[in-house]
Amino acid sequence: MMYPVVADLAAGGIAVAVACRVLGVSTSGYYDWRGRPVSRRQAADQALGELIHEVNQMSRGTYGSPAGARRAAAGRGGAVRP
């Protein structure tokens, strides 16, 4: 998806209209995307990422992302594919 790239470019000072034109997306589509609420999937992914980060911090960096994901999922009663 190009809209996060447009947002990053706009944060860096490039006009939204210019970024959209260069990336081949509409400005109205960008503003529509920006105004949407976070999906349940995005919220779940964000929460899992934060939990993996927390597990990594507690293990002093000895758990990487796959092991951290398994440990985090086990701690909340879920499962993560290897």
N, C-alpha and C. Protein backbone atom coordinates (compact mmCIF):
# COMPACT_ATOMS: atom_id res chain seq x y z
N MET A 1 0.85 -1.17 0.00
CA MET A 1 0.00 0.00 0.00
C MET A 1 0.90 1.23 0.00
N MET A 2 0.55 2.19 -0.81
CA MET A 2 1.36 3.39 -0.99
C MET A 2 1.02 4.51 -0.01
N TYR A 3 -0.14 4.45 0.61
CA TYR A 3 -0.55 5.57 1.47
C TYR A 3 0.38 5.78 2.67
N PRO A 4 0.91 4.74 3.32
CA PRO A 4 1.88 5.01 4.39
C PRO A 4 3.14 5.71 3.86
N VAL A 5 3.52 5.41 2.63
CA VAL A 5 4.68 6.08 2.03
C VAL A 5 4.36 7.56 1.82
N VAL A 6 3.15 7.85 1.35
CA VAL A 6 2.73 9.24 1.18
C VAL A 6 2.78 9.96 2.53
N ALA A 7 2.28 9.30 3.58
CA ALA A 7 2.30 9.91 4.92
C ALA A 7 3.72 10.21 5.37
N ASP A 8 4.64 9.27 5.13
CA ASP A 8 6.04 9.49 5.51
C ASP A 8 6.65 10.65 4.73
N LEU A 9 6.37 10.70 3.44
CA LEU A 9 6.90 11.80 2.62
C LEU A 9 6.31 13.14 3.06
N ALA A 10 5.02 13.15 3.36
CA ALA A 10 4.38 14.39 3.82
C ALA A 10 4.97 14.85 5.15
N ALA A 11 5.27 13.89 6.03
CA ALA A 11 5.90 14.24 7.31
C ALA A 11 7.29 14.83 7.10
N GLY A 12 7.93 14.45 5.99
CA GLY A 12 9.25 14.97 5.66
C GLY A 12 9.22 16.29 4.90
N GLY A 13 8.02 16.82 4.69
CA GLY A 13 7.92 18.13 4.07
C GLY A 13 7.52 18.14 2.61
N ILE A 14 7.30 16.98 2.02
CA ILE A 14 6.86 16.92 0.63
C ILE A 14 5.35 17.06 0.59
N ALA A 15 4.85 17.86 -0.33
CA ALA A 15 3.41 18.09 -0.43
C ALA A 15 2.69 16.78 -0.75
N VAL A 16 1.55 16.57 -0.11
CA VAL A 16 0.77 15.35 -0.31
C VAL A 16 0.41 15.18 -1.78
N ALA A 17 0.00 16.25 -2.43
CA ALA A 17 -0.39 16.17 -3.84
C ALA A 17 0.78 15.70 -4.71
N VAL A 18 1.97 16.20 -4.42
CA VAL A 18 3.16 15.80 -5.19
C VAL A 18 3.49 14.34 -4.93
N ALA A 19 3.48 13.93 -3.68
CA ALA A 19 3.78 12.54 -3.33
C ALA A 19 2.78 11.59 -3.99
N CYS A 20 1.51 11.95 -3.95
CA CYS A 20 0.47 11.11 -4.56
C CYS A 20 0.66 11.01 -6.07
N ARG A 21 0.96 12.12 -6.71
CA ARG A 21 1.15 12.12 -8.16
C ARG A 21 2.34 11.25 -8.55
N VAL A 22 3.45 11.38 -7.83
CA VAL A 22 4.65 10.60 -8.14
C VAL A 22 4.40 9.10 -7.90
N LEU A 23 3.66 8.77 -6.85
CA LEU A 23 3.41 7.37 -6.53
C LEU A 23 2.21 6.79 -7.27
N GLY A 24 1.49 7.63 -7.98
CA GLY A 24 0.38 7.14 -8.79
C GLY A 24 -0.88 6.80 -8.02
N VAL A 25 -1.12 7.51 -6.93
CA VAL A 25 -2.34 7.31 -6.15
C VAL A 25 -3.09 8.64 -6.07
N SER A 26 -4.37 8.57 -5.76
CA SER A 26 -5.16 9.80 -5.70
C SER A 26 -5.05 10.46 -4.33
N THR A 27 -5.11 11.77 -4.32
CA THR A 27 -5.07 12.48 -3.04
C THR A 27 -6.34 12.20 -2.24
N SER A 28 -7.46 12.08 -2.93
CA SER A 28 -8.70 11.79 -2.20
C SER A 28 -8.64 10.40 -1.55
N GLY A 29 -8.02 9.45 -2.23
CA GLY A 29 -7.84 8.12 -1.65
C GLY A 29 -6.94 8.16 -0.43
N TYR A 30 -5.88 8.98 -0.50
CA TYR A 30 -4.98 9.12 0.64
C TYR A 30 -5.72 9.68 1.85
N TYR A 31 -6.46 10.77 1.64
CA TYR A 31 -7.18 11.38 2.77
C TYR A 31 -8.27 10.45 3.30
N ASP A 32 -8.89 9.66 2.41
CA ASP A 32 -9.87 8.68 2.86
C ASP A 32 -9.19 7.62 3.73
N TRP A 33 -8.04 7.12 3.27
CA TRP A 33 -7.27 6.12 4.03
C TRP A 33 -6.86 6.66 5.40
N ARG A 34 -6.41 7.90 5.40
CA ARG A 34 -5.93 8.51 6.65
C ARG A 34 -7.04 8.67 7.67
N GLY A 35 -8.28 8.86 7.21
CA GLY A 35 -9.39 9.07 8.11
C GLY A 35 -10.05 7.79 8.61
N ARG A 36 -9.63 6.64 8.09
CA ARG A 36 -10.24 5.38 8.50
C ARG A 36 -9.75 4.95 9.88
N PRO A 37 -10.62 4.29 10.65
CA PRO A 37 -10.18 3.75 11.93
C PRO A 37 -9.27 2.54 11.71
N VAL A 38 -8.50 2.22 12.70
CA VAL A 38 -7.61 1.06 12.64
C VAL A 38 -8.47 -0.21 12.61
N SER A 39 -8.12 -1.15 11.73
CA SER A 39 -8.88 -2.40 11.65
C SER A 39 -8.56 -3.30 12.84
N ARG A 40 -9.43 -4.27 13.07
CA ARG A 40 -9.18 -5.21 14.18
C ARG A 40 -7.88 -5.96 13.95
N ARG A 41 -7.59 -6.31 12.70
CA ARG A 41 -6.36 -7.03 12.39
C ARG A 41 -5.14 -6.17 12.70
N GLN A 42 -5.18 -4.90 12.30
CA GLN A 42 -4.06 -4.01 12.58
C GLN A 42 -3.86 -3.83 14.07
N ALA A 43 -4.96 -3.70 14.81
CA ALA A 43 -4.88 -3.54 16.26
C ALA A 43 -4.29 -4.79 16.91
N ALA A 44 -4.71 -5.97 16.44
CA ALA A 44 -4.18 -7.23 16.98
C ALA A 44 -2.71 -7.37 16.66
N ASP A 45 -2.31 -7.04 15.44
CA ASP A 45 -0.89 -7.10 15.05
C ASP A 45 -0.05 -6.14 15.89
N GLN A 46 -0.58 -4.95 16.13
CA GLN A 46 0.13 -3.96 16.94
C GLN A 46 0.31 -4.47 18.37
N ALA A 47 -0.76 -5.04 18.94
CA ALA A 47 -0.70 -5.55 20.31
C ALA A 47 0.29 -6.70 20.40
N LEU A 48 0.30 -7.60 19.42
CA LEU A 48 1.24 -8.71 19.43
C LEU A 48 2.67 -8.20 19.31
N GLY A 49 2.89 -7.21 18.44
CA GLY A 49 4.22 -6.64 18.30
C GLY A 49 4.73 -6.03 19.59
N GLU A 50 3.84 -5.34 20.29
CA GLU A 50 4.22 -4.75 21.58
C GLU A 50 4.53 -5.83 22.60
N LEU A 51 3.76 -6.92 22.59
CA LEU A 51 4.00 -8.02 23.51
C LEU A 51 5.33 -8.71 23.20
N ILE A 52 5.62 -8.90 21.91
CA ILE A 52 6.90 -9.50 21.52
C ILE A 52 8.06 -8.60 21.96
N HIS A 53 7.90 -7.30 21.78
CA HIS A 53 8.93 -6.36 22.22
C HIS A 53 9.14 -6.46 23.73
N GLU A 54 8.05 -6.56 24.47
CA GLU A 54 8.13 -6.67 25.92
C GLU A 54 8.86 -7.95 26.34
N VAL A 55 8.53 -9.07 25.69
CA VAL A 55 9.20 -10.34 25.98
C VAL A 55 10.68 -10.22 25.65
N ASN A 56 11.01 -9.58 24.53
CA ASN A 56 12.40 -9.40 24.16
C ASN A 56 13.14 -8.57 25.20
N GLN A 57 12.51 -7.52 25.70
CA GLN A 57 13.14 -6.68 26.72
C GLN A 57 13.34 -7.45 28.02
N MET A 58 12.32 -8.23 28.41
CA MET A 58 12.43 -9.00 29.66
C MET A 58 13.51 -10.07 29.57
N SER A 59 13.76 -10.59 28.35
CA SER A 59 14.78 -11.63 28.18
C SER A 59 16.15 -11.02 27.87
N ARG A 60 16.23 -9.70 27.97
CA ARG A 60 17.47 -8.95 27.68
C ARG A 60 17.97 -9.21 26.27
N GLY A 61 17.02 -9.33 25.35
CA GLY A 61 17.38 -9.47 23.94
C GLY A 61 17.75 -10.88 23.51
N THR A 62 17.57 -11.88 24.38
CA THR A 62 17.96 -13.24 23.99
C THR A 62 16.90 -13.93 23.15
N TYR A 63 15.65 -13.45 23.21
CA TYR A 63 14.61 -14.01 22.35
C TYR A 63 14.46 -13.13 21.12
N GLY A 64 14.49 -13.76 19.97
CA GLY A 64 14.23 -13.05 18.72
C GLY A 64 12.73 -13.01 18.47
N SER A 65 12.34 -12.52 17.31
CA SER A 65 10.93 -12.36 17.00
C SER A 65 10.16 -13.69 16.99
N PRO A 66 10.65 -14.76 16.32
CA PRO A 66 9.87 -16.00 16.31
C PRO A 66 9.69 -16.61 17.70
N ALA A 67 10.78 -16.69 18.46
CA ALA A 67 10.67 -17.26 19.81
C ALA A 67 9.85 -16.35 20.71
N GLY A 68 10.03 -15.07 20.56
CA GLY A 68 9.25 -14.12 21.36
C GLY A 68 7.77 -14.20 21.04
N ALA A 69 7.45 -14.39 19.77
CA ALA A 69 6.04 -14.52 19.38
C ALA A 69 5.43 -15.77 19.99
N ARG A 70 6.18 -16.88 19.95
CA ARG A 70 5.67 -18.12 20.55
C ARG A 70 5.48 -17.96 22.05
N ARG A 71 6.44 -17.35 22.71
CA ARG A 71 6.36 -17.18 24.16
C ARG A 71 5.21 -16.22 24.51
N ALA A 72 5.06 -15.15 23.76
CA ALA A 72 3.99 -14.18 24.01
C ALA A 72 2.63 -14.84 23.80
N ALA A 73 2.50 -15.61 22.71
CA ALA A 73 1.23 -16.27 22.43
C ALA A 73 0.90 -17.30 23.50
N ALA A 74 1.90 -18.03 23.95
CA ALA A 74 1.67 -19.02 25.00
C ALA A 74 1.21 -18.35 26.28
N GLY A 75 1.76 -17.17 26.56
CA GLY A 75 1.39 -16.45 27.77
C GLY A 75 -0.03 -15.90 27.74
N ARG A 76 -0.60 -15.74 26.53
CA ARG A 76 -1.96 -15.22 26.45
C ARG A 76 -2.94 -16.29 25.96
N GLY A 77 -2.49 -17.55 25.97
CA GLY A 77 -3.38 -18.66 25.62
C GLY A 77 -3.60 -18.86 24.15
N GLY A 78 -2.75 -18.31 23.31
CA GLY A 78 -2.93 -18.43 21.87
C GLY A 78 -1.81 -19.21 21.24
N ALA A 79 -1.78 -19.19 19.95
CA ALA A 79 -0.73 -19.88 19.20
C ALA A 79 -0.31 -19.01 18.04
N VAL A 80 0.96 -19.11 17.69
CA VAL A 80 1.51 -18.40 16.54
C VAL A 80 2.18 -19.42 15.67
N ARG A 81 1.97 -19.32 14.37
CA ARG A 81 2.63 -20.26 13.46
C ARG A 81 4.12 -20.07 13.53
N PRO A 82 4.89 -21.17 13.45
CA PRO A 82 6.36 -21.08 13.49
C PRO A 82 6.93 -20.37 12.30
